[in-house]
Amino acid sequence: MGLPLMKRVKRELEHKGAILDIYTDYMEFPNGRIEKWDYVEHRKGAAAVIPILPDGRVLMVRQYRNALERETLEIPAGSRDSVTEPTIECASRELEEETGYRCDHLEFLLSLRTTVAFCNEMVDVYLARDLVPTEQHLDEGEFIELEAHPLQELCDMIYQGTIQDGKTVAAILAYKDKYGKKMDRE
């Protein structure tokens, strides 16, 4: 069955950014009507990682987010260096850059699209255990504080509205769903 087909008849670049391009799309509806829709293209894609410390706590990063005009608590993440960079390499790099830990074996956890209504951003999320301390390598304009939290505390923070970042919410809940029952038995 399915919905009637929509058709993009024109796309105009409105702004070219460092990692995002913003377009106006002209969409034709099945009835012939044409409307303008916003479209944000994330050119490179991204990766994120949920780092688990030996004691089971999750290592999180606190940083300022301009769009919200406040600090947020998130899992480490970042854009790929190029569209051909494997997301596992990006996740590994971001883990070490932001937390000062590396992991020799990242495990794929899930893939998500952050804002399907107007953006094509894709984020692959990995799990990092058996962390090895190194040192942070923050970008020049990056200011991050590290925090470690028990998994249940992070889940509580999600349901209290304290953690709202989509990739972080998805990663924490996916990790809890996949491994939480095992942890509850231990």
C-alpha atoms as a PDB file:
ATOM      1  CA  MET A   1       0.000   0.000   0.000  1.00  0.00           C
ATOM      2  CA  GLY A   2       1.924   3.094   1.200  1.00  0.00           C
ATOM      3  CA  LEU A   3       1.463   6.823   0.976  1.00  0.00           C
ATOM      4  CA  PRO A   4       1.157   8.719  -2.307  1.00  0.00           C
ATOM      5  CA  LEU A   5       4.548   9.726  -3.642  1.00  0.00           C
ATOM      6  CA  MET A   6       6.024  13.119  -2.853  1.00  0.00           C
ATOM      7  CA  LYS A   7       8.449  14.592  -5.333  1.00  0.00           C
ATOM      8  CA  ARG A   8      11.236  17.106  -4.818  1.00  0.00           C
ATOM      9  CA  VAL A   9      11.196  19.416  -7.826  1.00  0.00           C
ATOM     10  CA  LYS A  10      13.964  21.789  -6.742  1.00  0.00           C
ATOM     11  CA  ARG A  11      16.628  22.189  -4.052  1.00  0.00           C
ATOM     12  CA  GLU A  12      18.322  25.520  -3.269  1.00  0.00           C
ATOM     13  CA  LEU A  13      21.387  25.877  -1.062  1.00  0.00           C
ATOM     14  CA  GLU A  14      20.735  28.564   1.567  1.00  0.00           C
ATOM     15  CA  HIS A  15      23.867  28.164   3.715  1.00  0.00           C
ATOM     16  CA  LYS A  16      27.048  26.110   3.468  1.00  0.00           C
ATOM     17  CA  GLY A  17      28.536  25.382   6.879  1.00  0.00           C
ATOM     18  CA  ALA A  18      31.525  23.490   8.220  1.00  0.00           C
ATOM     19  CA  ILE A  19      29.634  20.202   8.621  1.00  0.00           C
ATOM     20  CA  LEU A  20      26.047  21.125   7.694  1.00  0.00           C
ATOM     21  CA  ASP A  21      24.429  22.540   4.579  1.00  0.00           C
ATOM     22  CA  ILE A  22      20.971  24.093   4.781  1.00  0.00           C
ATOM     23  CA  TYR A  23      18.625  23.892   1.805  1.00  0.00           C
ATOM     24  CA  THR A  24      15.133  24.896   0.777  1.00  0.00           C
ATOM     25  CA  ASP A  25      13.415  22.004  -0.952  1.00  0.00           C
ATOM     26  CA  TYR A  26      10.410  22.568  -3.170  1.00  0.00           C
ATOM     27  CA  MET A  27       8.161  19.554  -2.709  1.00  0.00           C
ATOM     28  CA  GLU A  28       5.313  18.601  -5.025  1.00  0.00           C
ATOM     29  CA  PHE A  29       2.391  16.844  -3.371  1.00  0.00           C
ATOM     30  CA  PRO A  30       0.330  14.170  -5.128  1.00  0.00           C
ATOM     31  CA  ASN A  31      -2.409  16.793  -5.703  1.00  0.00           C
ATOM     32  CA  GLY A  32       0.048  19.064  -7.582  1.00  0.00           C
ATOM     33  CA  ARG A  33       0.512  21.597  -4.786  1.00  0.00           C
ATOM     34  CA  ILE A  34       4.124  22.756  -4.174  1.00  0.00           C
ATOM     35  CA  GLU A  35       5.451  23.744  -0.741  1.00  0.00           C
ATOM     36  CA  LYS A  36       8.841  24.761   0.644  1.00  0.00           C
ATOM     37  CA  TRP A  37      10.463  22.425   3.161  1.00  0.00           C
ATOM     38  CA  ASP A  38      13.679  22.939   5.109  1.00  0.00           C
ATOM     39  CA  TYR A  39      16.384  20.313   4.680  1.00  0.00           C
ATOM     40  CA  VAL A  40      19.633  20.064   6.642  1.00  0.00           C
ATOM     41  CA  GLU A  41      22.349  17.867   5.199  1.00  0.00           C
ATOM     42  CA  HIS A  42      24.955  16.456   7.555  1.00  0.00           C
ATOM     43  CA  ARG A  43      27.691  15.818   5.001  1.00  0.00           C
ATOM     44  CA  LYS A  44      29.908  13.343   6.853  1.00  0.00           C
ATOM     45  CA  GLY A  45      27.865  11.386   9.353  1.00  0.00           C
ATOM     46  CA  ALA A  46      28.958  10.784  12.919  1.00  0.00           C
ATOM     47  CA  ALA A  47      29.801   8.207  15.531  1.00  0.00           C
ATOM     48  CA  ALA A  48      29.356   7.965  19.269  1.00  0.00           C
ATOM     49  CA  VAL A  49      30.556   5.642  21.979  1.00  0.00           C
ATOM     50  CA  ILE A  50      29.222   4.540  25.364  1.00  0.00           C
ATOM     51  CA  PRO A  51      32.317   3.946  27.537  1.00  0.00           C
ATOM     52  CA  ILE A  52      31.925   1.516  30.432  1.00  0.00           C
ATOM     53  CA  LEU A  53      34.412   1.761  33.300  1.00  0.00           C
ATOM     54  CA  PRO A  54      35.629  -1.414  35.074  1.00  0.00           C
ATOM     55  CA  ASP A  55      33.213  -0.765  37.948  1.00  0.00           C
ATOM     56  CA  GLY A  56      30.244  -0.616  35.526  1.00  0.00           C
ATOM     57  CA  ARG A  57      29.748   3.132  35.605  1.00  0.00           C
ATOM     58  CA  VAL A  58      29.280   4.957  32.300  1.00  0.00           C
ATOM     59  CA  LEU A  59      31.809   7.660  31.438  1.00  0.00           C
ATOM     60  CA  MET A  60      30.007  10.782  30.233  1.00  0.00           C
ATOM     61  CA  VAL A  61      31.078  14.191  28.920  1.00  0.00           C
ATOM     62  CA  ARG A  62      29.617  17.479  30.057  1.00  0.00           C
ATOM     63  CA  GLN A  63      29.931  20.310  27.562  1.00  0.00           C
ATOM     64  CA  TYR A  64      28.271  23.554  26.509  1.00  0.00           C
ATOM     65  CA  ARG A  65      25.836  23.322  23.595  1.00  0.00           C
ATOM     66  CA  ASN A  66      25.133  26.577  21.822  1.00  0.00           C
ATOM     67  CA  ALA A  67      21.770  25.483  20.371  1.00  0.00           C
ATOM     68  CA  LEU A  68      20.421  24.962  23.904  1.00  0.00           C
ATOM     69  CA  GLU A  69      22.462  27.733  25.557  1.00  0.00           C
ATOM     70  CA  ARG A  70      23.455  25.387  28.370  1.00  0.00           C
ATOM     71  CA  GLU A  71      25.645  22.458  29.305  1.00  0.00           C
ATOM     72  CA  THR A  72      24.540  18.937  28.488  1.00  0.00           C
ATOM     73  CA  LEU A  73      25.573  15.505  29.706  1.00  0.00           C
ATOM     74  CA  GLU A  74      26.285  13.215  26.734  1.00  0.00           C
ATOM     75  CA  ILE A  75      28.197  10.209  25.552  1.00  0.00           C
ATOM     76  CA  PRO A  76      31.376  11.061  23.572  1.00  0.00           C
ATOM     77  CA  ALA A  77      30.662  11.653  19.887  1.00  0.00           C
ATOM     78  CA  GLY A  78      31.773  13.521  16.824  1.00  0.00           C
ATOM     79  CA  SER A  79      31.648  13.863  13.069  1.00  0.00           C
ATOM     80  CA  ARG A  80      33.625  11.615  10.786  1.00  0.00           C
ATOM     81  CA  ASP A  81      36.699  13.218   9.216  1.00  0.00           C
ATOM     82  CA  SER A  82      35.409  12.210   5.768  1.00  0.00           C
ATOM     83  CA  VAL A  83      32.471  10.336   4.279  1.00  0.00           C
ATOM     84  CA  THR A  84      34.761   7.347   3.752  1.00  0.00           C
ATOM     85  CA  GLU A  85      36.063   7.130   7.331  1.00  0.00           C
ATOM     86  CA  PRO A  86      34.602   4.027   9.007  1.00  0.00           C
ATOM     87  CA  THR A  87      32.394   5.049  11.919  1.00  0.00           C
ATOM     88  CA  ILE A  88      34.232   2.632  14.221  1.00  0.00           C
ATOM     89  CA  GLU A  89      37.444   4.622  13.624  1.00  0.00           C
ATOM     90  CA  CYS A  90      35.618   7.876  14.307  1.00  0.00           C
ATOM     91  CA  ALA A  91      34.163   6.453  17.544  1.00  0.00           C
ATOM     92  CA  SER A  92      37.598   5.260  18.644  1.00  0.00           C
ATOM     93  CA  ARG A  93      39.160   8.650  17.931  1.00  0.00           C
ATOM     94  CA  GLU A  94      36.394  10.581  19.709  1.00  0.00           C
ATOM     95  CA  LEU A  95      36.618   8.280  22.741  1.00  0.00           C
ATOM     96  CA  GLU A  96      40.298   9.050  23.215  1.00  0.00           C
ATOM     97  CA  GLU A  97      40.075  12.739  22.285  1.00  0.00           C
ATOM     98  CA  GLU A  98      37.187  13.496  24.639  1.00  0.00           C
ATOM     99  CA  THR A  99      37.790  11.117  27.556  1.00  0.00           C
ATOM    100  CA  GLY A 100      41.473  10.236  27.570  1.00  0.00           C
ATOM    101  CA  TYR A 101      40.694   6.525  27.251  1.00  0.00           C
ATOM    102  CA  ARG A 102      41.057   4.129  24.364  1.00  0.00           C
ATOM    103  CA  CYS A 103      39.549   0.737  23.716  1.00  0.00           C
ATOM    104  CA  ASP A 104      41.074  -2.004  21.599  1.00  0.00           C
ATOM    105  CA  HIS A 105      37.731  -3.563  20.699  1.00  0.00           C
ATOM    106  CA  LEU A 106      34.630  -1.456  20.125  1.00  0.00           C
ATOM    107  CA  GLU A 107      31.332  -3.305  19.807  1.00  0.00           C
ATOM    108  CA  PHE A 108      28.624  -1.973  17.489  1.00  0.00           C
ATOM    109  CA  LEU A 109      25.481  -1.153  19.481  1.00  0.00           C
ATOM    110  CA  LEU A 110      23.051   0.647  17.150  1.00  0.00           C
ATOM    111  CA  SER A 111      22.631   3.032  14.258  1.00  0.00           C
ATOM    112  CA  LEU A 112      20.239   5.954  14.450  1.00  0.00           C
ATOM    113  CA  ARG A 113      18.934   8.947  12.542  1.00  0.00           C
ATOM    114  CA  THR A 114      18.691  11.930  14.847  1.00  0.00           C
ATOM    115  CA  THR A 115      16.049  14.167  13.273  1.00  0.00           C
ATOM    116  CA  VAL A 116      14.289  12.511  10.337  1.00  0.00           C
ATOM    117  CA  ALA A 117      11.781  15.332   9.758  1.00  0.00           C
ATOM    118  CA  PHE A 118      14.375  17.693   8.304  1.00  0.00           C
ATOM    119  CA  CYS A 119      17.914  16.289   8.634  1.00  0.00           C
ATOM    120  CA  ASN A 120      19.774  13.269   7.251  1.00  0.00           C
ATOM    121  CA  GLU A 121      22.276  12.961  10.135  1.00  0.00           C
ATOM    122  CA  MET A 122      23.247   9.358  10.854  1.00  0.00           C
ATOM    123  CA  VAL A 123      25.098   8.250  13.988  1.00  0.00           C
ATOM    124  CA  ASP A 124      26.547   4.806  14.633  1.00  0.00           C
ATOM    125  CA  VAL A 125      26.915   4.074  18.350  1.00  0.00           C
ATOM    126  CA  TYR A 126      29.546   1.717  19.754  1.00  0.00           C
ATOM    127  CA  LEU A 127      30.183   0.184  23.155  1.00  0.00           C
ATOM    128  CA  ALA A 128      33.637   0.470  24.733  1.00  0.00           C
ATOM    129  CA  ARG A 129      34.699  -1.780  27.609  1.00  0.00           C
ATOM    130  CA  ASP A 130      38.171  -2.678  28.871  1.00  0.00           C
ATOM    131  CA  LEU A 131      39.189   0.966  28.700  1.00  0.00           C
ATOM    132  CA  VAL A 132      42.873   1.853  28.702  1.00  0.00           C
ATOM    133  CA  PRO A 133      43.837   5.278  30.128  1.00  0.00           C
ATOM    134  CA  THR A 134      45.741   7.604  27.793  1.00  0.00           C
ATOM    135  CA  GLU A 135      45.171  11.349  27.728  1.00  0.00           C
ATOM    136  CA  GLN A 136      42.573  13.732  26.352  1.00  0.00           C
ATOM    137  CA  HIS A 137      43.242  15.519  23.067  1.00  0.00           C
ATOM    138  CA  LEU A 138      40.512  18.142  23.000  1.00  0.00           C
ATOM    139  CA  ASP A 139      40.022  20.382  19.992  1.00  0.00           C
ATOM    140  CA  GLU A 140      41.013  24.013  20.531  1.00  0.00           C
ATOM    141  CA  GLY A 141      37.413  25.156  21.059  1.00  0.00           C
ATOM    142  CA  GLU A 142      36.352  22.121  23.059  1.00  0.00           C
ATOM    143  CA  PHE A 143      35.886  22.284  26.829  1.00  0.00           C
ATOM    144  CA  ILE A 144      34.731  19.032  28.398  1.00  0.00           C
ATOM    145  CA  GLU A 145      34.328  17.759  31.945  1.00  0.00           C
ATOM    146  CA  LEU A 146      34.235  14.010  32.534  1.00  0.00           C
ATOM    147  CA  GLU A 147      31.681  12.395  34.827  1.00  0.00           C
ATOM    148  CA  ALA A 148      31.054   8.751  35.681  1.00  0.00           C
ATOM    149  CA  HIS A 149      27.545   7.603  36.560  1.00  0.00           C
ATOM    150  CA  PRO A 150      25.874   4.291  37.377  1.00  0.00           C
ATOM    151  CA  LEU A 151      23.619   3.106  34.562  1.00  0.00           C
ATOM    152  CA  GLN A 152      20.421   3.322  36.595  1.00  0.00           C
ATOM    153  CA  GLU A 153      21.238   6.900  37.609  1.00  0.00           C
ATOM    154  CA  LEU A 154      21.571   7.819  33.922  1.00  0.00           C
ATOM    155  CA  CYS A 155      18.241   6.149  33.158  1.00  0.00           C
ATOM    156  CA  ASP A 156      16.648   8.136  35.981  1.00  0.00           C
ATOM    157  CA  MET A 157      18.166  11.324  34.527  1.00  0.00           C
ATOM    158  CA  ILE A 158      16.611  10.483  31.148  1.00  0.00           C
ATOM    159  CA  TYR A 159      13.138  10.070  32.659  1.00  0.00           C
ATOM    160  CA  GLN A 160      13.558  13.222  34.761  1.00  0.00           C
ATOM    161  CA  GLY A 161      14.394  15.199  31.610  1.00  0.00           C
ATOM    162  CA  THR A 162      17.950  15.973  32.703  1.00  0.00           C
ATOM    163  CA  ILE A 163      19.467  14.030  29.783  1.00  0.00           C
ATOM    164  CA  GLN A 164      17.719  14.935  26.533  1.00  0.00           C
ATOM    165  CA  ASP A 165      20.357  14.394  23.837  1.00  0.00           C
ATOM    166  CA  GLY A 166      18.864  11.858  21.416  1.00  0.00           C
ATOM    167  CA  LYS A 167      21.990   9.797  20.727  1.00  0.00           C
ATOM    168  CA  THR A 168      22.741   9.619  24.446  1.00  0.00           C
ATOM    169  CA  VAL A 169      19.205   8.579  25.362  1.00  0.00           C
ATOM    170  CA  ALA A 170      19.165   5.920  22.631  1.00  0.00           C
ATOM    171  CA  ALA A 171      22.617   4.586  23.570  1.00  0.00           C
ATOM    172  CA  ILE A 172      21.937   4.349  27.301  1.00  0.00           C
ATOM    173  CA  LEU A 173      18.566   2.665  26.855  1.00  0.00           C
ATOM    174  CA  ALA A 174      19.910   0.280  24.182  1.00  0.00           C
ATOM    175  CA  TYR A 175      22.834  -0.643  26.433  1.00  0.00           C
ATOM    176  CA  LYS A 176      20.502  -1.209  29.373  1.00  0.00           C
ATOM    177  CA  ASP A 177      18.155  -3.302  27.239  1.00  0.00           C
ATOM    178  CA  LYS A 178      20.956  -5.428  25.825  1.00  0.00           C
ATOM    179  CA  TYR A 179      23.080  -5.856  28.964  1.00  0.00           C
ATOM    180  CA  GLY A 180      20.985  -4.652  31.911  1.00  0.00           C
ATOM    181  CA  LYS A 181      19.353  -7.996  32.671  1.00  0.00           C
ATOM    182  CA  LYS A 182      22.782  -9.609  32.930  1.00  0.00           C
ATOM    183  CA  MET A 183      23.965  -6.827  35.269  1.00  0.00           C
ATOM    184  CA  ASP A 184      20.838  -7.207  37.443  1.00  0.00           C
ATOM    185  CA  ARG A 185      21.718 -10.897  38.022  1.00  0.00           C
ATOM    186  CA  GLU A 186      25.312 -10.154  39.061  1.00  0.00           C
END
